[in-house]
PDB file of N, CA and C in Angstrom:
ATOM      1  N   MET A   1      20.557  25.370  -8.327  1.00  0.00           N
ATOM      2  CA  MET A   1      19.968  24.481  -8.469  1.00  0.00           C
ATOM      3  C   MET A   1      20.739  23.606  -7.762  1.00  0.00           C
ATOM      4  N   VAL A   2      20.427  22.790  -6.459  1.00  0.00           N
ATOM      5  CA  VAL A   2      21.093  22.184  -5.493  1.00  0.00           C
ATOM      6  C   VAL A   2      20.440  20.244  -5.933  1.00  0.00           C
ATOM      7  N   PRO A   3      21.261  19.486  -6.235  1.00  0.00           N
ATOM      8  CA  PRO A   3      20.949  18.468  -6.224  1.00  0.00           C
ATOM      9  C   PRO A   3      19.541  18.044  -4.890  1.00  0.00           C
ATOM     10  N   THR A   4      18.457  17.114  -5.534  1.00  0.00           N
ATOM     11  CA  THR A   4      18.171  16.243  -4.663  1.00  0.00           C
ATOM     12  C   THR A   4      18.745  15.084  -3.426  1.00  0.00           C
ATOM     13  N   ALA A   5      19.667  14.772  -4.255  1.00  0.00           N
ATOM     14  CA  ALA A   5      20.480  12.968  -4.024  1.00  0.00           C
ATOM     15  C   ALA A   5      21.838  12.918  -4.492  1.00  0.00           C
ATOM     16  N   PHE A   6      22.491  12.331  -4.273  1.00  0.00           N
ATOM     17  CA  PHE A   6      23.813  12.043  -4.450  1.00  0.00           C
ATOM     18  C   PHE A   6      23.765  10.355  -4.615  1.00  0.00           C
ATOM     19  N   HIS A   7      24.320  10.081  -5.453  1.00  0.00           N
ATOM     20  CA  HIS A   7      24.269   8.535  -5.824  1.00  0.00           C
ATOM     21  C   HIS A   7      26.022   8.847  -6.369  1.00  0.00           C
ATOM     22  N   TRP A   8      26.772   7.528  -5.504  1.00  0.00           N
ATOM     23  CA  TRP A   8      28.156   7.594  -6.191  1.00  0.00           C
ATOM     24  C   TRP A   8      28.345   6.756  -6.677  1.00  0.00           C
ATOM     25  N   ARG A   9      28.970   6.599  -7.830  1.00  0.00           N
ATOM     26  CA  ARG A   9      29.465   5.329  -9.000  1.00  0.00           C
ATOM     27  C   ARG A   9      31.152   5.531  -9.331  1.00  0.00           C
ATOM     28  N   ASN A  10      31.282   3.921  -8.768  1.00  0.00           N
ATOM     29  CA  ASN A  10      32.680   3.767  -8.794  1.00  0.00           C
ATOM     30  C   ASN A  10      33.145   2.621  -9.490  1.00  0.00           C
ATOM     31  N   PRO A  11      33.642   2.559 -10.389  1.00  0.00           N
ATOM     32  CA  PRO A  11      34.628   3.594 -11.224  1.00  0.00           C
ATOM     33  C   PRO A  11      33.153   4.157 -12.336  1.00  0.00           C
ATOM     34  N   LEU A  12      33.659   5.506 -12.669  1.00  0.00           N
ATOM     35  CA  LEU A  12      32.221   5.929 -13.398  1.00  0.00           C
ATOM     36  C   LEU A  12      32.488   5.217 -14.862  1.00  0.00           C
ATOM     37  N   PRO A  13      31.258   5.120 -15.745  1.00  0.00           N
ATOM     38  CA  PRO A  13      31.175   4.663 -17.108  1.00  0.00           C
ATOM     39  C   PRO A  13      32.016   5.341 -18.207  1.00  0.00           C
ATOM     40  N   LEU A  14      33.218   4.841 -18.958  1.00  0.00           N
ATOM     41  CA  LEU A  14      34.395   5.379 -19.713  1.00  0.00           C
ATOM     42  C   LEU A  14      34.026   5.480 -20.778  1.00  0.00           C
ATOM     43  N   THR A  15      33.758   5.889 -21.760  1.00  0.00           N
ATOM     44  CA  THR A  15      33.953   5.789 -23.267  1.00  0.00           C
ATOM     45  C   THR A  15      35.353   5.184 -24.086  1.00  0.00           C
ATOM     46  N   ASP A  16      35.346   4.509 -25.043  1.00  0.00           N
ATOM     47  CA  ASP A  16      36.564   3.795 -25.707  1.00  0.00           C
ATOM     48  C   ASP A  16      37.977   4.936 -25.117  1.00  0.00           C
ATOM     49  N   SER A  17      37.893   6.402 -25.674  1.00  0.00           N
ATOM     50  CA  SER A  17      38.844   7.471 -25.582  1.00  0.00           C
ATOM     51  C   SER A  17      38.832   7.833 -23.968  1.00  0.00           C
ATOM     52  N   GLY A  18      38.095   7.098 -23.056  1.00  0.00           N
ATOM     53  CA  GLY A  18      38.711   7.491 -22.033  1.00  0.00           C
ATOM     54  C   GLY A  18      37.944   8.783 -20.927  1.00  0.00           C
ATOM     55  N   LYS A  19      37.034   9.396 -21.823  1.00  0.00           N
ATOM     56  CA  LYS A  19      36.059  10.219 -21.286  1.00  0.00           C
ATOM     57  C   LYS A  19      35.021   9.765 -20.711  1.00  0.00           C
ATOM     58  N   ILE A  20      34.386  10.314 -19.545  1.00  0.00           N
ATOM     59  CA  ILE A  20      33.348  10.147 -19.161  1.00  0.00           C
ATOM     60  C   ILE A  20      31.978  10.111 -19.987  1.00  0.00           C
ATOM     61  N   ASN A  21      31.246   8.722 -19.924  1.00  0.00           N
ATOM     62  CA  ASN A  21      29.871   8.123 -21.273  1.00  0.00           C
ATOM     63  C   ASN A  21      28.670   8.856 -20.540  1.00  0.00           C
ATOM     64  N   LYS A  22      28.398  10.161 -20.902  1.00  0.00           N
ATOM     65  CA  LYS A  22      27.330  10.881 -20.928  1.00  0.00           C
ATOM     66  C   LYS A  22      26.099   9.986 -20.823  1.00  0.00           C
ATOM     67  N   LYS A  23      25.952   9.150 -22.349  1.00  0.00           N
ATOM     68  CA  LYS A  23      24.376   8.395 -21.988  1.00  0.00           C
ATOM     69  C   LYS A  23      24.620   7.194 -21.404  1.00  0.00           C
ATOM     70  N   ALA A  24      25.404   6.433 -20.479  1.00  0.00           N
ATOM     71  CA  ALA A  24      25.556   5.679 -20.043  1.00  0.00           C
ATOM     72  C   ALA A  24      25.223   6.201 -18.621  1.00  0.00           C
ATOM     73  N   LEU A  25      25.732   7.372 -18.195  1.00  0.00           N
ATOM     74  CA  LEU A  25      25.299   8.065 -16.781  1.00  0.00           C
ATOM     75  C   LEU A  25      23.454   8.125 -17.093  1.00  0.00           C
ATOM     76  N   THR A  26      23.051   8.815 -18.004  1.00  0.00           N
ATOM     77  CA  THR A  26      21.609   9.587 -18.180  1.00  0.00           C
ATOM     78  C   THR A  26      21.224   7.748 -17.815  1.00  0.00           C
ATOM     79  N   ALA A  27      21.645   6.797 -18.771  1.00  0.00           N
ATOM     80  CA  ALA A  27      20.694   5.625 -18.138  1.00  0.00           C
ATOM     81  C   ALA A  27      20.795   5.498 -16.929  1.00  0.00           C
ATOM     82  N   LEU A  28      22.018   5.208 -16.305  1.00  0.00           N
ATOM     83  CA  LEU A  28      21.508   4.907 -14.767  1.00  0.00           C
ATOM     84  C   LEU A  28      20.924   5.618 -14.165  1.00  0.00           C
ATOM     85  N   ALA A  29      20.580   7.070 -14.173  1.00  0.00           N
ATOM     86  CA  ALA A  29      20.015   8.310 -14.062  1.00  0.00           C
ATOM     87  C   ALA A  29      18.499   7.588 -13.885  1.00  0.00           C
ATOM     88  N   GLY A  30      18.283   7.797 -14.941  1.00  0.00           N
ATOM     89  CA  GLY A  30      16.762   6.478 -15.478  1.00  0.00           C
ATOM     90  C   GLY A  30      16.340   5.766 -14.501  1.00  0.00           C
ATOM     91  N   GLU A  31      17.513   4.815 -13.792  1.00  0.00           N
ATOM     92  CA  GLU A  31      17.159   3.664 -13.094  1.00  0.00           C
ATOM     93  C   GLU A  31      17.069   4.188 -11.941  1.00  0.00           C
ATOM     94  N   LEU A  32      17.791   5.029 -11.684  1.00  0.00           N
ATOM     95  CA  LEU A  32      17.436   5.732 -10.325  1.00  0.00           C
ATOM     96  C   LEU A  32      15.896   6.157 -10.165  1.00  0.00           C
ATOM     97  N   ASP A  33      15.899   7.037 -11.357  1.00  0.00           N
ATOM     98  CA  ASP A  33      13.800   7.557 -11.377  1.00  0.00           C
ATOM     99  C   ASP A  33      12.931   6.928 -11.116  1.00  0.00           C
ATOM    100  N   ALA A  34      13.643   5.398 -11.938  1.00  0.00           N
ATOM    101  CA  ALA A  34      12.502   4.561 -11.974  1.00  0.00           C
ATOM    102  C   ALA A  34      12.380   3.675 -10.389  1.00  0.00           C
ATOM    103  N   ALA A  35      13.522   3.375 -10.024  1.00  0.00           N
ATOM    104  CA  ALA A  35      13.032   2.980  -8.636  1.00  0.00           C
ATOM    105  C   ALA A  35      12.715   3.867  -7.411  1.00  0.00           C
ATOM    106  N   ASP A  36      12.923   5.361  -7.752  1.00  0.00           N
ATOM    107  CA  ASP A  36      12.114   6.346  -6.924  1.00  0.00           C
ATOM    108  C   ASP A  36      10.573   6.175  -6.558  1.00  0.00           C
ATOM    109  N   GLN A  37      10.519   5.705  -8.043  1.00  0.00           N
ATOM    110  CA  GLN A  37       9.075   6.147  -8.644  1.00  0.00           C
ATOM    111  C   GLN A  37       8.275   4.501  -7.515  1.00  0.00           C
ATOM    112  N   SER A  38       8.698   4.079  -7.232  1.00  0.00           N
ATOM    113  CA  SER A  38       8.149   2.483  -6.111  1.00  0.00           C
ATOM    114  C   SER A  38       7.864   3.438  -4.394  1.00  0.00           C
ATOM    115  N   HIS A  39       7.698   4.393  -4.883  1.00  0.00           N
ATOM    116  CA  HIS A  39       7.685   5.125  -3.354  1.00  0.00           C
ATOM    117  C   HIS A  39       6.865   4.341  -2.288  1.00  0.00           C
ATOM    118  N   GLU A  40       6.736   4.598  -1.143  1.00  0.00           N
ATOM    119  CA  GLU A  40       5.781   3.911  -0.105  1.00  0.00           C
ATOM    120  C   GLU A  40       4.506   5.525   0.380  1.00  0.00           C
ATOM    121  N   ARG A  41       3.465   4.597   0.209  1.00  0.00           N
ATOM    122  CA  ARG A  41       1.905   5.155   0.158  1.00  0.00           C
ATOM    123  C   ARG A  41       1.883   5.910   1.446  1.00  0.00           C
ATOM    124  N   PRO A  42       1.568   7.249   1.344  1.00  0.00           N
ATOM    125  CA  PRO A  42       0.720   7.831   2.664  1.00  0.00           C
ATOM    126  C   PRO A  42       0.309   6.717   3.717  1.00  0.00           C
ATOM    127  N   SER A  43       0.888   6.100   4.634  1.00  0.00           N
ATOM    128  CA  SER A  43      -0.109   5.568   5.594  1.00  0.00           C
ATOM    129  C   SER A  43      -0.867   6.103   6.996  1.00  0.00           C
ATOM    130  N   THR A  44      -0.524   7.207   7.398  1.00  0.00           N
ATOM    131  CA  THR A  44      -1.514   7.507   8.337  1.00  0.00           C
ATOM    132  C   THR A  44      -2.634   8.649   7.818  1.00  0.00           C
ATOM    133  N   GLU A  45      -3.431   8.733   8.678  1.00  0.00           N
ATOM    134  CA  GLU A  45      -4.794   9.619   8.443  1.00  0.00           C
ATOM    135  C   GLU A  45      -3.684  11.575   8.171  1.00  0.00           C
ATOM    136  N   THR A  46      -2.965  11.474   8.758  1.00  0.00           N
ATOM    137  CA  THR A  46      -2.791  13.195   8.444  1.00  0.00           C
ATOM    138  C   THR A  46      -1.961  13.248   7.150  1.00  0.00           C
ATOM    139  N   GLU A  47      -1.375  12.091   7.300  1.00  0.00           N
ATOM    140  CA  GLU A  47      -0.346  11.652   5.975  1.00  0.00           C
ATOM    141  C   GLU A  47      -1.139  11.774   4.820  1.00  0.00           C
ATOM    142  N   GLN A  48      -2.404  11.218   4.712  1.00  0.00           N
ATOM    143  CA  GLN A  48      -3.575  11.086   3.365  1.00  0.00           C
ATOM    144  C   GLN A  48      -3.727  12.439   3.270  1.00  0.00           C
ATOM    145  N   LEU A  49      -3.999  13.360   4.354  1.00  0.00           N
ATOM    146  CA  LEU A  49      -4.748  14.273   4.144  1.00  0.00           C
ATOM    147  C   LEU A  49      -3.671  15.146   3.782  1.00  0.00           C
ATOM    148  N   VAL A  50      -2.659  15.278   4.362  1.00  0.00           N
ATOM    149  CA  VAL A  50      -1.957  16.430   3.421  1.00  0.00           C
ATOM    150  C   VAL A  50      -1.450  16.084   1.947  1.00  0.00           C
ATOM    151  N   ALA A  51      -1.235  14.908   1.860  1.00  0.00           N
ATOM    152  CA  ALA A  51      -1.187  14.683   0.774  1.00  0.00           C
ATOM    153  C   ALA A  51      -2.569  14.815  -0.343  1.00  0.00           C
ATOM    154  N   ALA A  52      -3.928  14.216   0.006  1.00  0.00           N
ATOM    155  CA  ALA A  52      -4.770  15.020  -0.577  1.00  0.00           C
ATOM    156  C   ALA A  52      -4.776  17.019  -0.636  1.00  0.00           C
ATOM    157  N   ALA A  53      -4.044  17.326   0.055  1.00  0.00           N
ATOM    158  CA  ALA A  53      -3.936  19.056  -0.002  1.00  0.00           C
ATOM    159  C   ALA A  53      -2.942  19.100  -1.114  1.00  0.00           C
ATOM    160  N   TRP A  54      -1.894  18.372  -0.771  1.00  0.00           N
ATOM    161  CA  TRP A  54      -1.198  18.464  -2.035  1.00  0.00           C
ATOM    162  C   TRP A  54      -1.037  18.258  -3.766  1.00  0.00           C
ATOM    163  N   ALA A  55      -2.162  17.236  -3.291  1.00  0.00           N
ATOM    164  CA  ALA A  55      -2.719  16.755  -5.055  1.00  0.00           C
ATOM    165  C   ALA A  55      -3.619  18.235  -5.547  1.00  0.00           C
ATOM    166  N   ASN A  56      -4.246  18.507  -4.503  1.00  0.00           N
ATOM    167  CA  ASN A  56      -5.358  19.778  -4.820  1.00  0.00           C
ATOM    168  C   ASN A  56      -4.526  20.957  -5.245  1.00  0.00           C
ATOM    169  N   VAL A  57      -3.877  21.469  -4.387  1.00  0.00           N
ATOM    170  CA  VAL A  57      -2.558  22.655  -4.664  1.00  0.00           C
ATOM    171  C   VAL A  57      -1.698  22.452  -6.050  1.00  0.00           C
ATOM    172  N   LEU A  58      -1.268  21.457  -6.111  1.00  0.00           N
ATOM    173  CA  LEU A  58       0.056  21.139  -6.985  1.00  0.00           C
ATOM    174  C   LEU A  58      -0.589  20.808  -8.720  1.00  0.00           C
ATOM    175  N   GLY A  59      -2.046  20.236  -8.223  1.00  0.00           N
ATOM    176  CA  GLY A  59      -2.499  19.796  -9.552  1.00  0.00           C
ATOM    177  C   GLY A  59      -2.596  18.418 -10.159  1.00  0.00           C
ATOM    178  N   ILE A  60      -1.745  17.405  -9.142  1.00  0.00           N
ATOM    179  CA  ILE A  60      -1.480  16.374  -9.601  1.00  0.00           C
ATOM    180  C   ILE A  60      -1.833  15.163  -9.092  1.00  0.00           C
ATOM    181  N   PRO A  61      -2.183  14.047  -9.642  1.00  0.00           N
ATOM    182  CA  PRO A  61      -2.733  12.659  -9.028  1.00  0.00           C
ATOM    183  C   PRO A  61      -2.371  12.255  -7.660  1.00  0.00           C
ATOM    184  N   GLU A  62      -3.140  12.173  -6.206  1.00  0.00           N
ATOM    185  CA  GLU A  62      -2.442  11.656  -5.509  1.00  0.00           C
ATOM    186  C   GLU A  62      -1.774  10.496  -5.200  1.00  0.00           C
ATOM    187  N   GLU A  63      -1.456   9.520  -6.347  1.00  0.00           N
ATOM    188  CA  GLU A  63      -0.999   8.432  -6.352  1.00  0.00           C
ATOM    189  C   GLU A  63       0.375   8.642  -6.615  1.00  0.00           C
ATOM    190  N   GLN A  64       0.954   9.853  -7.084  1.00  0.00           N
ATOM    191  CA  GLN A  64       2.421  10.435  -7.491  1.00  0.00           C
ATOM    192  C   GLN A  64       2.793  11.187  -6.217  1.00  0.00           C
ATOM    193  N   ILE A  65       1.902  11.117  -5.183  1.00  0.00           N
ATOM    194  CA  ILE A  65       2.943  11.634  -3.628  1.00  0.00           C
ATOM    195  C   ILE A  65       2.793  10.181  -2.812  1.00  0.00           C
ATOM    196  N   GLY A  66       4.237  10.437  -2.632  1.00  0.00           N
ATOM    197  CA  GLY A  66       4.806   9.353  -1.994  1.00  0.00           C
ATOM    198  C   GLY A  66       5.098   9.662  -0.032  1.00  0.00           C
ATOM    199  N   ARG A  67       5.281   9.242   1.258  1.00  0.00           N
ATOM    200  CA  ARG A  67       5.536   9.349   2.558  1.00  0.00           C
ATOM    201  C   ARG A  67       6.805  10.448   2.194  1.00  0.00           C
ATOM    202  N   ARG A  68       7.713  10.207   1.116  1.00  0.00           N
ATOM    203  CA  ARG A  68       8.876  10.689   0.914  1.00  0.00           C
ATOM    204  C   ARG A  68       9.123  11.710   0.136  1.00  0.00           C
ATOM    205  N   ALA A  69       8.145  12.227  -0.586  1.00  0.00           N
ATOM    206  CA  ALA A  69       7.807  12.815  -1.634  1.00  0.00           C
ATOM    207  C   ALA A  69       8.380  14.268  -1.340  1.00  0.00           C
ATOM    208  N   HIS A  70       9.063  15.106  -1.869  1.00  0.00           N
ATOM    209  CA  HIS A  70       9.101  16.533  -1.368  1.00  0.00           C
ATOM    210  C   HIS A  70       8.466  17.423  -2.171  1.00  0.00           C
ATOM    211  N   PHE A  71       8.156  18.232  -1.600  1.00  0.00           N
ATOM    212  CA  PHE A  71       6.694  19.443  -2.145  1.00  0.00           C
ATOM    213  C   PHE A  71       7.483  20.173  -3.517  1.00  0.00           C
ATOM    214  N   PHE A  72       8.692  20.611  -3.158  1.00  0.00           N
ATOM    215  CA  PHE A  72       9.244  21.425  -4.039  1.00  0.00           C
ATOM    216  C   PHE A  72       9.550  20.457  -5.441  1.00  0.00           C
ATOM    217  N   ASP A  73      10.220  19.287  -5.148  1.00  0.00           N
ATOM    218  CA  ASP A  73      10.231  18.687  -6.308  1.00  0.00           C
ATOM    219  C   ASP A  73       9.208  18.419  -7.266  1.00  0.00           C
ATOM    220  N   LEU A  74       8.136  18.299  -6.813  1.00  0.00           N
ATOM    221  CA  LEU A  74       6.630  17.916  -7.132  1.00  0.00           C
ATOM    222  C   LEU A  74       6.273  18.976  -7.993  1.00  0.00           C
ATOM    223  N   GLY A  75       6.838  19.952  -7.840  1.00  0.00           N
ATOM    224  CA  GLY A  75       5.869  21.561  -8.615  1.00  0.00           C
ATOM    225  C   GLY A  75       5.561  22.238  -7.760  1.00  0.00           C
ATOM    226  N   GLY A  76       6.023  22.374  -6.401  1.00  0.00           N
ATOM    227  CA  GLY A  76       5.485  23.374  -5.284  1.00  0.00           C
ATOM    228  C   GLY A  76       6.114  24.487  -5.705  1.00  0.00           C
ATOM    229  N   THR A  77       5.746  25.970  -5.668  1.00  0.00           N
ATOM    230  CA  THR A  77       6.115  27.166  -5.529  1.00  0.00           C
ATOM    231  C   THR A  77       5.654  27.971  -4.029  1.00  0.00           C
ATOM    232  N   SER A  78       6.250  29.018  -3.780  1.00  0.00           N
ATOM    233  CA  SER A  78       6.319  29.956  -3.156  1.00  0.00           C
ATOM    234  C   SER A  78       4.641  29.712  -2.752  1.00  0.00           C
ATOM    235  N   LEU A  79       4.053  30.429  -3.629  1.00  0.00           N
ATOM    236  CA  LEU A  79       2.828  30.796  -3.832  1.00  0.00           C
ATOM    237  C   LEU A  79       1.827  29.480  -3.664  1.00  0.00           C
ATOM    238  N   SER A  80       2.449  28.504  -4.123  1.00  0.00           N
ATOM    239  CA  SER A  80       1.641  27.252  -3.944  1.00  0.00           C
ATOM    240  C   SER A  80       1.882  26.773  -2.579  1.00  0.00           C
ATOM    241  N   ALA A  81       2.651  26.860  -1.996  1.00  0.00           N
ATOM    242  CA  ALA A  81       2.949  26.502  -0.732  1.00  0.00           C
ATOM    243  C   ALA A  81       1.858  27.707   0.564  1.00  0.00           C
ATOM    244  N   LEU A  82       1.833  28.625   0.098  1.00  0.00           N
ATOM    245  CA  LEU A  82       1.005  29.705   0.630  1.00  0.00           C
ATOM    246  C   LEU A  82      -0.690  29.217   0.659  1.00  0.00           C
ATOM    247  N   LYS A  83      -0.934  28.507  -0.777  1.00  0.00           N
ATOM    248  CA  LYS A  83      -2.013  28.277  -0.834  1.00  0.00           C
ATOM    249  C   LYS A  83      -2.505  26.771   0.183  1.00  0.00           C
ATOM    250  N   LEU A  84      -1.495  25.866  -0.126  1.00  0.00           N
ATOM    251  CA  LEU A  84      -0.916  24.769   1.203  1.00  0.00           C
ATOM    252  C   LEU A  84      -1.836  25.295   2.659  1.00  0.00           C
ATOM    253  N   ALA A  85      -0.590  25.822   3.146  1.00  0.00           N
ATOM    254  CA  ALA A  85      -0.744  26.685   4.455  1.00  0.00           C
ATOM    255  C   ALA A  85      -2.281  27.271   4.821  1.00  0.00           C
ATOM    256  N   ILE A  86      -2.884  27.286   3.456  1.00  0.00           N
ATOM    257  CA  ILE A  86      -4.692  27.964   4.039  1.00  0.00           C
ATOM    258  C   ILE A  86      -5.019  26.747   3.579  1.00  0.00           C
ATOM    259  N   ALA A  87      -5.160  25.823   2.689  1.00  0.00           N
ATOM    260  CA  ALA A  87      -5.317  24.233   2.730  1.00  0.00           C
ATOM    261  C   ALA A  87      -5.653  23.433   3.675  1.00  0.00           C
ATOM    262  N   LEU A  88      -4.568  23.713   4.641  1.00  0.00           N
ATOM    263  CA  LEU A  88      -4.428  23.054   5.990  1.00  0.00           C
ATOM    264  C   LEU A  88      -5.010  23.750   7.000  1.00  0.00           C
ATOM    265  N   ASP A  89      -5.419  24.724   7.204  1.00  0.00           N
ATOM    266  CA  ASP A  89      -6.567  25.349   7.923  1.00  0.00           C
ATOM    267  C   ASP A  89      -5.657  26.125   8.794  1.00  0.00           C
ATOM    268  N   ARG A  90      -4.207  26.499   8.214  1.00  0.00           N
ATOM    269  CA  ARG A  90      -2.951  27.239   8.791  1.00  0.00           C
ATOM    270  C   ARG A  90      -2.248  26.370   9.779  1.00  0.00           C
ATOM    271  N   ALA A  91      -2.656  24.949   9.625  1.00  0.00           N
ATOM    272  CA  ALA A  91      -1.822  24.311  10.886  1.00  0.00           C
ATOM    273  C   ALA A  91      -0.587  24.425  10.752  1.00  0.00           C
ATOM    274  N   ALA A  92       0.158  24.667   9.704  1.00  0.00           N
ATOM    275  CA  ALA A  92       1.697  24.917   9.206  1.00  0.00           C
ATOM    276  C   ALA A  92       2.167  26.538   8.680  1.00  0.00           C
ATOM    277  N   SER A  93       2.860  26.918   8.903  1.00  0.00           N
ATOM    278  CA  SER A  93       3.069  28.448   8.021  1.00  0.00           C
ATOM    279  C   SER A  93       3.570  27.981   7.057  1.00  0.00           C
ATOM    280  N   VAL A  94       3.969  29.126   6.048  1.00  0.00           N
ATOM    281  CA  VAL A  94       4.660  28.933   4.875  1.00  0.00           C
ATOM    282  C   VAL A  94       6.471  28.424   5.128  1.00  0.00           C
ATOM    283  N   LYS A  95       6.452  29.139   6.592  1.00  0.00           N
ATOM    284  CA  LYS A  95       7.704  29.188   6.640  1.00  0.00           C
ATOM    285  C   LYS A  95       8.347  27.443   7.202  1.00  0.00           C
ATOM    286  N   ASP A  96       7.331  27.063   8.221  1.00  0.00           N
ATOM    287  CA  ASP A  96       7.585  25.533   7.936  1.00  0.00           C
ATOM    288  C   ASP A  96       7.226  24.276   7.357  1.00  0.00           C
ATOM    289  N   LEU A  97       6.562  24.942   6.183  1.00  0.00           N
ATOM    290  CA  LEU A  97       6.546  24.274   4.784  1.00  0.00           C
ATOM    291  C   LEU A  97       8.074  24.406   4.198  1.00  0.00           C
ATOM    292  N   PHE A  98       8.296  25.295   4.070  1.00  0.00           N
ATOM    293  CA  PHE A  98       9.850  25.374   3.727  1.00  0.00           C
ATOM    294  C   PHE A  98      10.903  24.925   4.156  1.00  0.00           C
ATOM    295  N   ALA A  99      10.298  24.920   5.573  1.00  0.00           N
ATOM    296  CA  ALA A  99      12.041  24.143   6.355  1.00  0.00           C
ATOM    297  C   ALA A  99      11.711  22.442   6.470  1.00  0.00           C
ATOM    298  N   GLN A 100      10.421  22.284   5.907  1.00  0.00           N
ATOM    299  CA  GLN A 100      10.177  21.025   6.063  1.00  0.00           C
ATOM    300  C   GLN A 100       9.265  20.130   5.278  1.00  0.00           C
ATOM    301  N   PRO A 101       9.719  20.506   3.731  1.00  0.00           N
ATOM    302  CA  PRO A 101       8.910  20.412   2.451  1.00  0.00           C
ATOM    303  C   PRO A 101       8.700  18.479   2.023  1.00  0.00           C
ATOM    304  N   ILE A 102       8.917  17.496   3.131  1.00  0.00           N
ATOM    305  CA  ILE A 102       8.890  16.553   3.067  1.00  0.00           C
ATOM    306  C   ILE A 102       7.218  15.928   3.622  1.00  0.00           C
ATOM    307  N   LEU A 103       6.577  15.273   2.873  1.00  0.00           N
ATOM    308  CA  LEU A 103       5.488  15.220   3.218  1.00  0.00           C
ATOM    309  C   LEU A 103       5.341  14.018   4.448  1.00  0.00           C
ATOM    310  N   ALA A 104       6.090  13.040   4.819  1.00  0.00           N
ATOM    311  CA  ALA A 104       5.913  12.876   6.307  1.00  0.00           C
ATOM    312  C   ALA A 104       6.116  13.852   7.416  1.00  0.00           C
ATOM    313  N   ASP A 105       7.181  14.659   7.025  1.00  0.00           N
ATOM    314  CA  ASP A 105       7.530  15.572   7.847  1.00  0.00           C
ATOM    315  C   ASP A 105       6.431  16.695   8.054  1.00  0.00           C
ATOM    316  N   GLN A 106       6.323  17.276   6.916  1.00  0.00           N
ATOM    317  CA  GLN A 106       4.432  17.886   7.407  1.00  0.00           C
ATOM    318  C   GLN A 106       3.765  17.154   7.852  1.00  0.00           C
ATOM    319  N   ALA A 107       3.547  16.398   7.918  1.00  0.00           N
ATOM    320  CA  ALA A 107       2.199  15.732   8.471  1.00  0.00           C
ATOM    321  C   ALA A 107       2.079  15.397  10.199  1.00  0.00           C
ATOM    322  N   MET A 108       3.920  15.381  10.463  1.00  0.00           N
ATOM    323  CA  MET A 108       3.885  14.929  11.642  1.00  0.00           C
ATOM    324  C   MET A 108       3.663  16.298  12.408  1.00  0.00           C
ATOM    325  N   LEU A 109       3.876  17.568  11.193  1.00  0.00           N
ATOM    326  CA  LEU A 109       3.910  18.985  11.995  1.00  0.00           C
ATOM    327  C   LEU A 109       2.732  19.269  12.097  1.00  0.00           C
ATOM    328  N   VAL A 110       1.527  18.742  11.042  1.00  0.00           N
ATOM    329  CA  VAL A 110       0.482  19.270  10.880  1.00  0.00           C
ATOM    330  C   VAL A 110      -0.692  18.346  12.232  1.00  0.00           C
ATOM    331  N   ALA A 111      -0.328  17.105  12.419  1.00  0.00           N
ATOM    332  CA  ALA A 111      -0.389  16.338  13.620  1.00  0.00           C
ATOM    333  C   ALA A 111      -0.341  17.143  14.945  1.00  0.00           C
ATOM    334  N   GLU A 112       0.781  17.601  15.453  1.00  0.00           N
ATOM    335  CA  GLU A 112       1.019  18.379  16.331  1.00  0.00           C
ATOM    336  C   GLU A 112       0.233  19.417  16.973  1.00  0.00           C
ATOM    337  N   LYS A 113       0.244  20.195  15.762  1.00  0.00           N
ATOM    338  CA  LYS A 113      -0.227  21.825  15.616  1.00  0.00           C
ATOM    339  C   LYS A 113      -2.013  21.183  15.900  1.00  0.00           C
ATOM    340  N   PHE A 114      -2.519  20.135  15.363  1.00  0.00           N
ATOM    341  CA  PHE A 114      -3.765  20.071  15.615  1.00  0.00           C
ATOM    342  C   PHE A 114      -4.033  19.440  16.943  1.00  0.00           C
ATOM    343  N   ALA A 115      -3.044  18.375  17.414  1.00  0.00           N
ATOM    344  CA  ALA A 115      -3.024  18.346  18.944  1.00  0.00           C
ATOM    345  C   ALA A 115      -2.958  19.497  19.794  1.00  0.00           C
ATOM    346  N   GLN A 116      -2.065  20.320  19.184  1.00  0.00           N
ATOM    347  CA  GLN A 116      -2.200  21.364  20.376  1.00  0.00           C
ATOM    348  C   GLN A 116      -3.525  22.502  20.304  1.00  0.00           C
ATOM    349  N   ARG A 117      -4.206  22.439  19.521  1.00  0.00           N
ATOM    350  CA  ARG A 117      -5.196  23.153  19.194  1.00  0.00           C
ATOM    351  C   ARG A 117      -6.292  22.175  20.041  1.00  0.00           C
ATOM    352  N   LEU A 118      -6.186  20.835  20.335  1.00  0.00           N
ATOM    353  CA  LEU A 118      -7.325  20.175  21.025  1.00  0.00           C
ATOM    354  C   LEU A 118      -7.229  20.152  22.289  1.00  0.00           C
ATOM    355  N   ARG A 119      -5.601  20.458  22.635  1.00  0.00           N
ATOM    356  CA  ARG A 119      -5.490  20.624  23.721  1.00  0.00           C
ATOM    357  C   ARG A 119      -5.603  21.708  24.309  1.00  0.00           C
ATOM    358  N   ALA A 120      -5.366  22.910  23.617  1.00  0.00           N
ATOM    359  CA  ALA A 120      -6.459  24.612  24.132  1.00  0.00           C
ATOM    360  C   ALA A 120      -7.735  24.425  24.248  1.00  0.00           C
ATOM    361  N   ALA A 121      -7.919  23.711  23.191  1.00  0.00           N
ATOM    362  CA  ALA A 121      -9.871  24.074  23.408  1.00  0.00           C
ATOM    363  C   ALA A 121     -10.339  23.196  24.537  1.00  0.00           C
ATOM    364  N   THR A 122      -9.653  22.225  24.668  1.00  0.00           N
ATOM    365  CA  THR A 122     -10.236  21.232  25.896  1.00  0.00           C
ATOM    366  C   THR A 122     -10.328  21.932  27.207  1.00  0.00           C
ATOM    367  N   ASN A 123      -9.194  22.964  27.465  1.00  0.00           N
ATOM    368  CA  ASN A 123      -8.716  23.702  28.430  1.00  0.00           C
ATOM    369  C   ASN A 123      -9.471  24.745  28.771  1.00  0.00           C
TER     370      ASN A 123
END
């Protein structure tokens, strides 16, 4: 398992015996998680469309999905990535979804694919 973020803490909290204070670190991690909860809402129409698709596929409320949310951190799997590709009318492949698991990045990809389809339809 690879951490999604690294937070440097200098110095680490220590116990009276000089060992790392794991309880204090756990409390600090909880504070960081609370700070991450104040996420940016999806702003563009495409981001809102992708967020709605994520909510449907993952079975979570749309309010829990921010612009910088990571599909697999919210419970996404390879099977749910396939369902998402289908929900997005195959505007992104499963490979694309794995390569760009952040909502804002996926929305940009989907917008580009829709624009390509529109240009092809008008030519």
